[in-house]
Amino acid sequence: MTYKAMKNLLISILAALALLIPATSYTQTPAQQDVAELISMAESGNVGAQYTIGLKYDNGRGVKQDKRKEKEWFGKACDNGSQMGCDNYRKLNEQGY
């Protein structure tokens, strides 16, 4: 097989594989979709989701970093029995947020 024939075969295979990859929605990044799902769970009372959203606002993963929202979500987690949520809420309170 010649170099040109191998190149054309490889291009054809890659093109065929590209058709198998599902289309991606560009309306939201995966991180934003993750946060939207977490917020839905958190609003339903899921303490793990509430705590995780607090962490996301702390480190700015998937959302803009926001200490007030971080404190709000850690407070909700605390109210639902998360000791780590209470600890983080207290620290933010001491920092003046």
PDB file of N, CA and C in Angstrom:
ATOM      1  N   MET A   1       0.857  -1.169   0.000  1.00  0.00           N
ATOM      2  CA  MET A   1       0.000   0.000   0.000  1.00  0.00           C
ATOM      3  C   MET A   1       0.905   1.234   0.000  1.00  0.00           C
ATOM      4  N   THR A   2       0.559   2.172  -0.819  1.00  0.00           N
ATOM      5  CA  THR A   2       1.373   3.386  -0.930  1.00  0.00           C
ATOM      6  C   THR A   2       1.077   4.337   0.219  1.00  0.00           C
ATOM      7  N   TYR A   3       1.978   5.271   0.407  1.00  0.00           N
ATOM      8  CA  TYR A   3       1.809   6.275   1.470  1.00  0.00           C
ATOM      9  C   TYR A   3       0.505   7.049   1.283  1.00  0.00           C
ATOM     10  N   LYS A   4       0.225   7.435   0.032  1.00  0.00           N
ATOM     11  CA  LYS A   4      -0.990   8.215  -0.261  1.00  0.00           C
ATOM     12  C   LYS A   4      -2.239   7.398   0.047  1.00  0.00           C
ATOM     13  N   ALA A   5      -2.232   6.132  -0.287  1.00  0.00           N
ATOM     14  CA  ALA A   5      -3.383   5.260  -0.030  1.00  0.00           C
ATOM     15  C   ALA A   5      -3.580   5.073   1.472  1.00  0.00           C
ATOM     16  N   MET A   6      -2.480   4.903   2.215  1.00  0.00           N
ATOM     17  CA  MET A   6      -2.581   4.753   3.667  1.00  0.00           C
ATOM     18  C   MET A   6      -3.107   6.041   4.311  1.00  0.00           C
ATOM     19  N   LYS A   7      -2.641   7.167   3.818  1.00  0.00           N
ATOM     20  CA  LYS A   7      -3.092   8.456   4.336  1.00  0.00           C
ATOM     21  C   LYS A   7      -4.594   8.624   4.097  1.00  0.00           C
ATOM     22  N   ASN A   8      -5.055   8.302   2.887  1.00  0.00           N
ATOM     23  CA  ASN A   8      -6.477   8.413   2.573  1.00  0.00           C
ATOM     24  C   ASN A   8      -7.318   7.464   3.412  1.00  0.00           C
ATOM     25  N   LEU A   9      -6.808   6.259   3.660  1.00  0.00           N
ATOM     26  CA  LEU A   9      -7.517   5.289   4.492  1.00  0.00           C
ATOM     27  C   LEU A   9      -7.626   5.805   5.926  1.00  0.00           C
ATOM     28  N   LEU A  10      -6.536   6.332   6.449  1.00  0.00           N
ATOM     29  CA  LEU A  10      -6.540   6.875   7.808  1.00  0.00           C
ATOM     30  C   LEU A  10      -7.516   8.040   7.932  1.00  0.00           C
ATOM     31  N   ILE A  11      -7.525   8.914   6.959  1.00  0.00           N
ATOM     32  CA  ILE A  11      -8.455  10.060   6.975  1.00  0.00           C
ATOM     33  C   ILE A  11      -9.896   9.552   6.938  1.00  0.00           C
ATOM     34  N   SER A  12     -10.169   8.554   6.144  1.00  0.00           N
ATOM     35  CA  SER A  12     -11.522   7.984   6.058  1.00  0.00           C
ATOM     36  C   SER A  12     -11.949   7.365   7.381  1.00  0.00           C
ATOM     37  N   ILE A  13     -11.032   6.652   8.020  1.00  0.00           N
ATOM     38  CA  ILE A  13     -11.340   6.031   9.312  1.00  0.00           C
ATOM     39  C   ILE A  13     -11.625   7.098  10.362  1.00  0.00           C
ATOM     40  N   LEU A  14     -10.785   8.132  10.405  1.00  0.00           N
ATOM     41  CA  LEU A  14     -10.993   9.201  11.378  1.00  0.00           C
ATOM     42  C   LEU A  14     -12.300   9.933  11.135  1.00  0.00           C
ATOM     43  N   ALA A  15     -12.642  10.155   9.874  1.00  0.00           N
ATOM     44  CA  ALA A  15     -13.906  10.815   9.547  1.00  0.00           C
ATOM     45  C   ALA A  15     -15.093   9.962   9.989  1.00  0.00           C
ATOM     46  N   ALA A  16     -14.993   8.652   9.782  1.00  0.00           N
ATOM     47  CA  ALA A  16     -16.074   7.748  10.196  1.00  0.00           C
ATOM     48  C   ALA A  16     -16.218   7.745  11.714  1.00  0.00           C
ATOM     49  N   LEU A  17     -15.087   7.741  12.421  1.00  0.00           N
ATOM     50  CA  LEU A  17     -15.132   7.770  13.882  1.00  0.00           C
ATOM     51  C   LEU A  17     -15.738   9.080  14.392  1.00  0.00           C
ATOM     52  N   ALA A  18     -15.463  10.167  13.726  1.00  0.00           N
ATOM     53  CA  ALA A  18     -15.995  11.464  14.140  1.00  0.00           C
ATOM     54  C   ALA A  18     -17.523  11.461  14.086  1.00  0.00           C
ATOM     55  N   LEU A  19     -18.080  10.709  13.158  1.00  0.00           N
ATOM     56  CA  LEU A  19     -19.540  10.629  13.062  1.00  0.00           C
ATOM     57  C   LEU A  19     -20.155   9.883  14.240  1.00  0.00           C
ATOM     58  N   LEU A  20     -19.369   9.058  14.899  1.00  0.00           N
ATOM     59  CA  LEU A  20     -19.863   8.288  16.034  1.00  0.00           C
ATOM     60  C   LEU A  20     -19.874   9.086  17.334  1.00  0.00           C
ATOM     61  N   ILE A  21     -19.132  10.192  17.373  1.00  0.00           N
ATOM     62  CA  ILE A  21     -19.058  11.007  18.577  1.00  0.00           C
ATOM     63  C   ILE A  21     -20.335  11.844  18.663  1.00  0.00           C
ATOM     64  N   PRO A  22     -21.032  11.798  19.807  1.00  0.00           N
ATOM     65  CA  PRO A  22     -22.279  12.562  19.914  1.00  0.00           C
ATOM     66  C   PRO A  22     -22.014  14.064  19.856  1.00  0.00           C
ATOM     67  N   ALA A  23     -22.986  14.769  19.315  1.00  0.00           N
ATOM     68  CA  ALA A  23     -22.886  16.230  19.234  1.00  0.00           C
ATOM     69  C   ALA A  23     -22.895  16.820  20.641  1.00  0.00           C
ATOM     70  N   THR A  24     -22.170  17.898  20.817  1.00  0.00           N
ATOM     71  CA  THR A  24     -22.084  18.566  22.107  1.00  0.00           C
ATOM     72  C   THR A  24     -22.924  19.822  22.082  1.00  0.00           C
ATOM     73  N   SER A  25     -23.664  20.055  23.135  1.00  0.00           N
ATOM     74  CA  SER A  25     -24.425  21.294  23.268  1.00  0.00           C
ATOM     75  C   SER A  25     -23.484  22.400  23.707  1.00  0.00           C
ATOM     76  N   TYR A  26     -23.532  23.510  23.024  1.00  0.00           N
ATOM     77  CA  TYR A  26     -22.661  24.614  23.372  1.00  0.00           C
ATOM     78  C   TYR A  26     -23.374  25.669  24.200  1.00  0.00           C
ATOM     79  N   THR A  27     -24.578  25.378  24.661  1.00  0.00           N
ATOM     80  CA  THR A  27     -25.290  26.351  25.481  1.00  0.00           C
ATOM     81  C   THR A  27     -24.731  26.402  26.892  1.00  0.00           C
ATOM     82  N   GLN A  28     -24.222  25.293  27.386  1.00  0.00           N
ATOM     83  CA  GLN A  28     -23.622  25.245  28.723  1.00  0.00           C
ATOM     84  C   GLN A  28     -22.376  24.380  28.685  1.00  0.00           C
ATOM     85  N   THR A  29     -21.378  24.772  29.432  1.00  0.00           N
ATOM     86  CA  THR A  29     -20.201  23.919  29.560  1.00  0.00           C
ATOM     87  C   THR A  29     -20.559  22.769  30.492  1.00  0.00           C
ATOM     88  N   PRO A  30     -19.795  21.672  30.456  1.00  0.00           N
ATOM     89  CA  PRO A  30     -20.076  20.566  31.385  1.00  0.00           C
ATOM     90  C   PRO A  30     -20.078  21.011  32.839  1.00  0.00           C
ATOM     91  N   ALA A  31     -19.192  21.912  33.202  1.00  0.00           N
ATOM     92  CA  ALA A  31     -19.155  22.378  34.592  1.00  0.00           C
ATOM     93  C   ALA A  31     -20.441  23.112  34.945  1.00  0.00           C
ATOM     94  N   GLN A  32     -20.963  23.925  34.014  1.00  0.00           N
ATOM     95  CA  GLN A  32     -22.214  24.642  34.274  1.00  0.00           C
ATOM     96  C   GLN A  32     -23.377  23.658  34.377  1.00  0.00           C
ATOM     97  N   GLN A  33     -23.387  22.631  33.537  1.00  0.00           N
ATOM     98  CA  GLN A  33     -24.436  21.624  33.618  1.00  0.00           C
ATOM     99  C   GLN A  33     -24.356  20.904  34.956  1.00  0.00           C
ATOM    100  N   ASP A  34     -23.154  20.608  35.390  1.00  0.00           N
ATOM    101  CA  ASP A  34     -22.941  19.947  36.672  1.00  0.00           C
ATOM    102  C   ASP A  34     -23.504  20.809  37.799  1.00  0.00           C
ATOM    103  N   VAL A  35     -23.232  22.097  37.784  1.00  0.00           N
ATOM    104  CA  VAL A  35     -23.716  22.998  38.824  1.00  0.00           C
ATOM    105  C   VAL A  35     -25.236  23.076  38.782  1.00  0.00           C
ATOM    106  N   ALA A  36     -25.820  23.149  37.597  1.00  0.00           N
ATOM    107  CA  ALA A  36     -27.278  23.205  37.487  1.00  0.00           C
ATOM    108  C   ALA A  36     -27.920  21.957  38.092  1.00  0.00           C
ATOM    109  N   GLU A  37     -27.338  20.800  37.838  1.00  0.00           N
ATOM    110  CA  GLU A  37     -27.862  19.550  38.407  1.00  0.00           C
ATOM    111  C   GLU A  37     -27.691  19.548  39.927  1.00  0.00           C
ATOM    112  N   LEU A  38     -26.539  20.012  40.395  1.00  0.00           N
ATOM    113  CA  LEU A  38     -26.297  20.074  41.836  1.00  0.00           C
ATOM    114  C   LEU A  38     -27.285  21.014  42.522  1.00  0.00           C
ATOM    115  N   ILE A  39     -27.529  22.164  41.913  1.00  0.00           N
ATOM    116  CA  ILE A  39     -28.468  23.121  42.510  1.00  0.00           C
ATOM    117  C   ILE A  39     -29.856  22.506  42.603  1.00  0.00           C
ATOM    118  N   SER A  40     -30.257  21.791  41.571  1.00  0.00           N
ATOM    119  CA  SER A  40     -31.562  21.118  41.600  1.00  0.00           C
ATOM    120  C   SER A  40     -31.631  20.126  42.756  1.00  0.00           C
ATOM    121  N   MET A  41     -30.572  19.351  42.936  1.00  0.00           N
ATOM    122  CA  MET A  41     -30.527  18.384  44.039  1.00  0.00           C
ATOM    123  C   MET A  41     -30.493  19.101  45.387  1.00  0.00           C
ATOM    124  N   ALA A  42     -29.701  20.176  45.460  1.00  0.00           N
ATOM    125  CA  ALA A  42     -29.544  20.909  46.717  1.00  0.00           C
ATOM    126  C   ALA A  42     -30.851  21.562  47.142  1.00  0.00           C
ATOM    127  N   GLU A  43     -31.574  22.107  46.183  1.00  0.00           N
ATOM    128  CA  GLU A  43     -32.856  22.740  46.504  1.00  0.00           C
ATOM    129  C   GLU A  43     -33.886  21.724  46.978  1.00  0.00           C
ATOM    130  N   SER A  44     -33.646  20.454  46.649  1.00  0.00           N
ATOM    131  CA  SER A  44     -34.521  19.376  47.127  1.00  0.00           C
ATOM    132  C   SER A  44     -34.085  18.868  48.493  1.00  0.00           C
ATOM    133  N   GLY A  45     -33.033  19.493  49.065  1.00  0.00           N
ATOM    134  CA  GLY A  45     -32.603  19.131  50.410  1.00  0.00           C
ATOM    135  C   GLY A  45     -31.416  18.191  50.492  1.00  0.00           C
ATOM    136  N   ASN A  46     -30.763  17.901  49.374  1.00  0.00           N
ATOM    137  CA  ASN A  46     -29.625  17.000  49.380  1.00  0.00           C
ATOM    138  C   ASN A  46     -28.434  17.709  50.013  1.00  0.00           C
ATOM    139  N   VAL A  47     -28.053  17.276  51.213  1.00  0.00           N
ATOM    140  CA  VAL A  47     -27.001  17.944  51.971  1.00  0.00           C
ATOM    141  C   VAL A  47     -25.642  17.825  51.282  1.00  0.00           C
ATOM    142  N   GLY A  48     -25.360  16.715  50.648  1.00  0.00           N
ATOM    143  CA  GLY A  48     -24.100  16.559  49.926  1.00  0.00           C
ATOM    144  C   GLY A  48     -23.987  17.546  48.776  1.00  0.00           C
ATOM    145  N   ALA A  49     -25.096  17.742  48.058  1.00  0.00           N
ATOM    146  CA  ALA A  49     -25.109  18.704  46.957  1.00  0.00           C
ATOM    147  C   ALA A  49     -24.947  20.125  47.491  1.00  0.00           C
ATOM    148  N   GLN A  50     -25.579  20.432  48.621  1.00  0.00           N
ATOM    149  CA  GLN A  50     -25.457  21.756  49.222  1.00  0.00           C
ATOM    150  C   GLN A  50     -24.003  22.054  49.590  1.00  0.00           C
ATOM    151  N   TYR A  51     -23.352  21.096  50.210  1.00  0.00           N
ATOM    152  CA  TYR A  51     -21.960  21.255  50.603  1.00  0.00           C
ATOM    153  C   TYR A  51     -21.060  21.401  49.367  1.00  0.00           C
ATOM    154  N   THR A  52     -21.313  20.575  48.354  1.00  0.00           N
ATOM    155  CA  THR A  52     -20.501  20.611  47.135  1.00  0.00           C
ATOM    156  C   THR A  52     -20.640  21.952  46.420  1.00  0.00           C
ATOM    157  N   ILE A  53     -21.828  22.510  46.404  1.00  0.00           N
ATOM    158  CA  ILE A  53     -22.011  23.824  45.786  1.00  0.00           C
ATOM    159  C   ILE A  53     -21.216  24.877  46.560  1.00  0.00           C
ATOM    160  N   GLY A  54     -21.217  24.772  47.884  1.00  0.00           N
ATOM    161  CA  GLY A  54     -20.398  25.672  48.683  1.00  0.00           C
ATOM    162  C   GLY A  54     -18.938  25.590  48.285  1.00  0.00           C
ATOM    163  N   LEU A  55     -18.449  24.366  48.081  1.00  0.00           N
ATOM    164  CA  LEU A  55     -17.061  24.183  47.645  1.00  0.00           C
ATOM    165  C   LEU A  55     -16.818  24.802  46.272  1.00  0.00           C
ATOM    166  N   LYS A  56     -17.780  24.638  45.371  1.00  0.00           N
ATOM    167  CA  LYS A  56     -17.636  25.198  44.029  1.00  0.00           C
ATOM    168  C   LYS A  56     -17.528  26.722  44.081  1.00  0.00           C
ATOM    169  N   TYR A  57     -18.346  27.353  44.924  1.00  0.00           N
ATOM    170  CA  TYR A  57     -18.253  28.805  45.056  1.00  0.00           C
ATOM    171  C   TYR A  57     -16.961  29.211  45.764  1.00  0.00           C
ATOM    172  N   ASP A  58     -16.412  28.341  46.573  1.00  0.00           N
ATOM    173  CA  ASP A  58     -15.144  28.627  47.247  1.00  0.00           C
ATOM    174  C   ASP A  58     -13.990  28.667  46.254  1.00  0.00           C
ATOM    175  N   ASN A  59     -13.921  27.663  45.383  1.00  0.00           N
ATOM    176  CA  ASN A  59     -12.765  27.567  44.489  1.00  0.00           C
ATOM    177  C   ASN A  59     -13.046  28.024  43.063  1.00  0.00           C
ATOM    178  N   GLY A  60     -14.285  28.444  42.784  1.00  0.00           N
ATOM    179  CA  GLY A  60     -14.608  28.954  41.454  1.00  0.00           C
ATOM    180  C   GLY A  60     -14.642  27.901  40.362  1.00  0.00           C
ATOM    181  N   ARG A  61     -15.002  26.689  40.707  1.00  0.00           N
ATOM    182  CA  ARG A  61     -15.092  25.620  39.702  1.00  0.00           C
ATOM    183  C   ARG A  61     -16.519  25.518  39.179  1.00  0.00           C
ATOM    184  N   GLY A  62     -16.699  25.936  37.926  1.00  0.00           N
ATOM    185  CA  GLY A  62     -18.010  25.875  37.289  1.00  0.00           C
ATOM    186  C   GLY A  62     -18.878  27.078  37.585  1.00  0.00           C
ATOM    187  N   VAL A  63     -18.449  27.906  38.510  1.00  0.00           N
ATOM    188  CA  VAL A  63     -19.161  29.140  38.865  1.00  0.00           C
ATOM    189  C   VAL A  63     -18.121  30.216  39.171  1.00  0.00           C
ATOM    190  N   LYS A  64     -18.567  31.461  39.181  1.00  0.00           N
ATOM    191  CA  LYS A  64     -17.674  32.539  39.584  1.00  0.00           C
ATOM    192  C   LYS A  64     -17.503  32.467  41.103  1.00  0.00           C
ATOM    193  N   GLN A  65     -16.269  32.605  41.558  1.00  0.00           N
ATOM    194  CA  GLN A  65     -16.001  32.550  42.995  1.00  0.00           C
ATOM    195  C   GLN A  65     -16.825  33.626  43.700  1.00  0.00           C
ATOM    196  N   ASP A  66     -17.520  33.215  44.778  1.00  0.00           N
ATOM    197  CA  ASP A  66     -18.414  34.135  45.484  1.00  0.00           C
ATOM    198  C   ASP A  66     -18.535  33.681  46.937  1.00  0.00           C
ATOM    199  N   LYS A  67     -17.895  34.416  47.839  1.00  0.00           N
ATOM    200  CA  LYS A  67     -17.869  34.033  49.253  1.00  0.00           C
ATOM    201  C   LYS A  67     -19.254  34.091  49.897  1.00  0.00           C
ATOM    202  N   ARG A  68     -20.089  35.017  49.484  1.00  0.00           N
ATOM    203  CA  ARG A  68     -21.427  35.113  50.082  1.00  0.00           C
ATOM    204  C   ARG A  68     -22.300  33.915  49.690  1.00  0.00           C
ATOM    205  N   LYS A  69     -22.229  33.518  48.436  1.00  0.00           N
ATOM    206  CA  LYS A  69     -22.987  32.331  48.002  1.00  0.00           C
ATOM    207  C   LYS A  69     -22.393  31.068  48.623  1.00  0.00           C
ATOM    208  N   GLU A  70     -21.071  31.055  48.733  1.00  0.00           N
ATOM    209  CA  GLU A  70     -20.405  29.922  49.396  1.00  0.00           C
ATOM    210  C   GLU A  70     -20.955  29.775  50.815  1.00  0.00           C
ATOM    211  N   LYS A  71     -21.009  30.884  51.548  1.00  0.00           N
ATOM    212  CA  LYS A  71     -21.509  30.862  52.929  1.00  0.00           C
ATOM    213  C   LYS A  71     -22.974  30.415  52.966  1.00  0.00           C
ATOM    214  N   GLU A  72     -23.769  30.904  52.028  1.00  0.00           N
ATOM    215  CA  GLU A  72     -25.187  30.530  51.972  1.00  0.00           C
ATOM    216  C   GLU A  72     -25.352  29.014  51.837  1.00  0.00           C
ATOM    217  N   TRP A  73     -24.573  28.403  50.910  1.00  0.00           N
ATOM    218  CA  TRP A  73     -24.722  26.969  50.689  1.00  0.00           C
ATOM    219  C   TRP A  73     -24.143  26.146  51.832  1.00  0.00           C
ATOM    220  N   PHE A  74     -23.031  26.617  52.415  1.00  0.00           N
ATOM    221  CA  PHE A  74     -22.506  25.906  53.584  1.00  0.00           C
ATOM    222  C   PHE A  74     -23.498  26.009  54.742  1.00  0.00           C
ATOM    223  N   GLY A  75     -24.173  27.152  54.862  1.00  0.00           N
ATOM    224  CA  GLY A  75     -25.194  27.313  55.898  1.00  0.00           C
ATOM    225  C   GLY A  75     -26.348  26.334  55.723  1.00  0.00           C
ATOM    226  N   LYS A  76     -26.781  26.144  54.482  1.00  0.00           N
ATOM    227  CA  LYS A  76     -27.863  25.188  54.212  1.00  0.00           C
ATOM    228  C   LYS A  76     -27.406  23.767  54.553  1.00  0.00           C
ATOM    229  N   ALA A  77     -26.154  23.445  54.172  1.00  0.00           N
ATOM    230  CA  ALA A  77     -25.624  22.113  54.496  1.00  0.00           C
ATOM    231  C   ALA A  77     -25.553  21.936  56.005  1.00  0.00           C
ATOM    232  N   CYS A  78     -25.132  22.986  56.712  1.00  0.00           N
ATOM    233  CA  CYS A  78     -25.054  22.940  58.172  1.00  0.00           C
ATOM    234  C   CYS A  78     -26.443  22.704  58.771  1.00  0.00           C
ATOM    235  N   ASP A  79     -27.425  23.451  58.283  1.00  0.00           N
ATOM    236  CA  ASP A  79     -28.798  23.304  58.774  1.00  0.00           C
ATOM    237  C   ASP A  79     -29.330  21.886  58.575  1.00  0.00           C
ATOM    238  N   ASN A  80     -28.784  21.185  57.588  1.00  0.00           N
ATOM    239  CA  ASN A  80     -29.228  19.813  57.304  1.00  0.00           C
ATOM    240  C   ASN A  80     -28.300  18.757  57.889  1.00  0.00           C
ATOM    241  N   GLY A  81     -27.407  19.170  58.797  1.00  0.00           N
ATOM    242  CA  GLY A  81     -26.637  18.185  59.556  1.00  0.00           C
ATOM    243  C   GLY A  81     -25.201  17.958  59.124  1.00  0.00           C
ATOM    244  N   SER A  82     -24.669  18.753  58.218  1.00  0.00           N
ATOM    245  CA  SER A  82     -23.281  18.567  57.786  1.00  0.00           C
ATOM    246  C   SER A  82     -22.342  19.324  58.724  1.00  0.00           C
ATOM    247  N   GLN A  83     -21.529  18.593  59.472  1.00  0.00           N
ATOM    248  CA  GLN A  83     -20.574  19.237  60.369  1.00  0.00           C
ATOM    249  C   GLN A  83     -19.543  20.048  59.577  1.00  0.00           C
ATOM    250  N   MET A  84     -19.099  19.513  58.435  1.00  0.00           N
ATOM    251  CA  MET A  84     -18.144  20.259  57.608  1.00  0.00           C
ATOM    252  C   MET A  84     -18.781  21.542  57.074  1.00  0.00           C
ATOM    253  N   GLY A  85     -20.074  21.473  56.744  1.00  0.00           N
ATOM    254  CA  GLY A  85     -20.789  22.676  56.320  1.00  0.00           C
ATOM    255  C   GLY A  85     -20.811  23.701  57.438  1.00  0.00           C
ATOM    256  N   CYS A  86     -21.047  23.251  58.666  1.00  0.00           N
ATOM    257  CA  CYS A  86     -21.061  24.153  59.828  1.00  0.00           C
ATOM    258  C   CYS A  86     -19.683  24.768  60.054  1.00  0.00           C
ATOM    259  N   ASP A  87     -18.650  23.950  59.937  1.00  0.00           N
ATOM    260  CA  ASP A  87     -17.287  24.446  60.145  1.00  0.00           C
ATOM    261  C   ASP A  87     -16.935  25.521  59.118  1.00  0.00           C
ATOM    262  N   ASN A  88     -17.251  25.269  57.860  1.00  0.00           N
ATOM    263  CA  ASN A  88     -16.946  26.242  56.809  1.00  0.00           C
ATOM    264  C   ASN A  88     -17.802  27.498  56.953  1.00  0.00           C
ATOM    265  N   TYR A  89     -19.058  27.319  57.331  1.00  0.00           N
ATOM    266  CA  TYR A  89     -19.939  28.472  57.562  1.00  0.00           C
ATOM    267  C   TYR A  89     -19.373  29.352  58.678  1.00  0.00           C
ATOM    268  N   ARG A  90     -18.941  28.717  59.762  1.00  0.00           N
ATOM    269  CA  ARG A  90     -18.374  29.460  60.897  1.00  0.00           C
ATOM    270  C   ARG A  90     -17.131  30.235  60.480  1.00  0.00           C
ATOM    271  N   LYS A  91     -16.240  29.580  59.715  1.00  0.00           N
ATOM    272  CA  LYS A  91     -15.002  30.249  59.257  1.00  0.00           C
ATOM    273  C   LYS A  91     -15.327  31.473  58.401  1.00  0.00           C
ATOM    274  N   LEU A  92     -16.291  31.311  57.506  1.00  0.00           N
ATOM    275  CA  LEU A  92     -16.664  32.448  56.648  1.00  0.00           C
ATOM    276  C   LEU A  92     -17.292  33.563  57.478  1.00  0.00           C
ATOM    277  N   ASN A  93     -18.068  33.176  58.471  1.00  0.00           N
ATOM    278  CA  ASN A  93     -18.692  34.165  59.352  1.00  0.00           C
ATOM    279  C   ASN A  93     -17.608  34.954  60.110  1.00  0.00           C
ATOM    280  N   GLU A  94     -16.599  34.240  60.582  1.00  0.00           N
ATOM    281  CA  GLU A  94     -15.493  34.884  61.296  1.00  0.00           C
ATOM    282  C   GLU A  94     -14.701  35.818  60.381  1.00  0.00           C
ATOM    283  N   GLN A  95     -14.681  35.519  59.108  1.00  0.00           N
ATOM    284  CA  GLN A  95     -13.963  36.351  58.123  1.00  0.00           C
ATOM    285  C   GLN A  95     -14.799  37.555  57.678  1.00  0.00           C
ATOM    286  N   GLY A  96     -16.024  37.618  58.151  1.00  0.00           N
ATOM    287  CA  GLY A  96     -16.871  38.776  57.841  1.00  0.00           C
ATOM    288  C   GLY A  96     -17.757  38.636  56.622  1.00  0.00           C
ATOM    289  N   TYR A  97     -17.974  37.426  56.166  1.00  0.00           N
ATOM    290  CA  TYR A  97     -18.870  37.218  55.012  1.00  0.00           C
ATOM    291  C   TYR A  97     -20.259  36.928  55.477  1.00  0.00           C
TER     292      TYR A  97
END
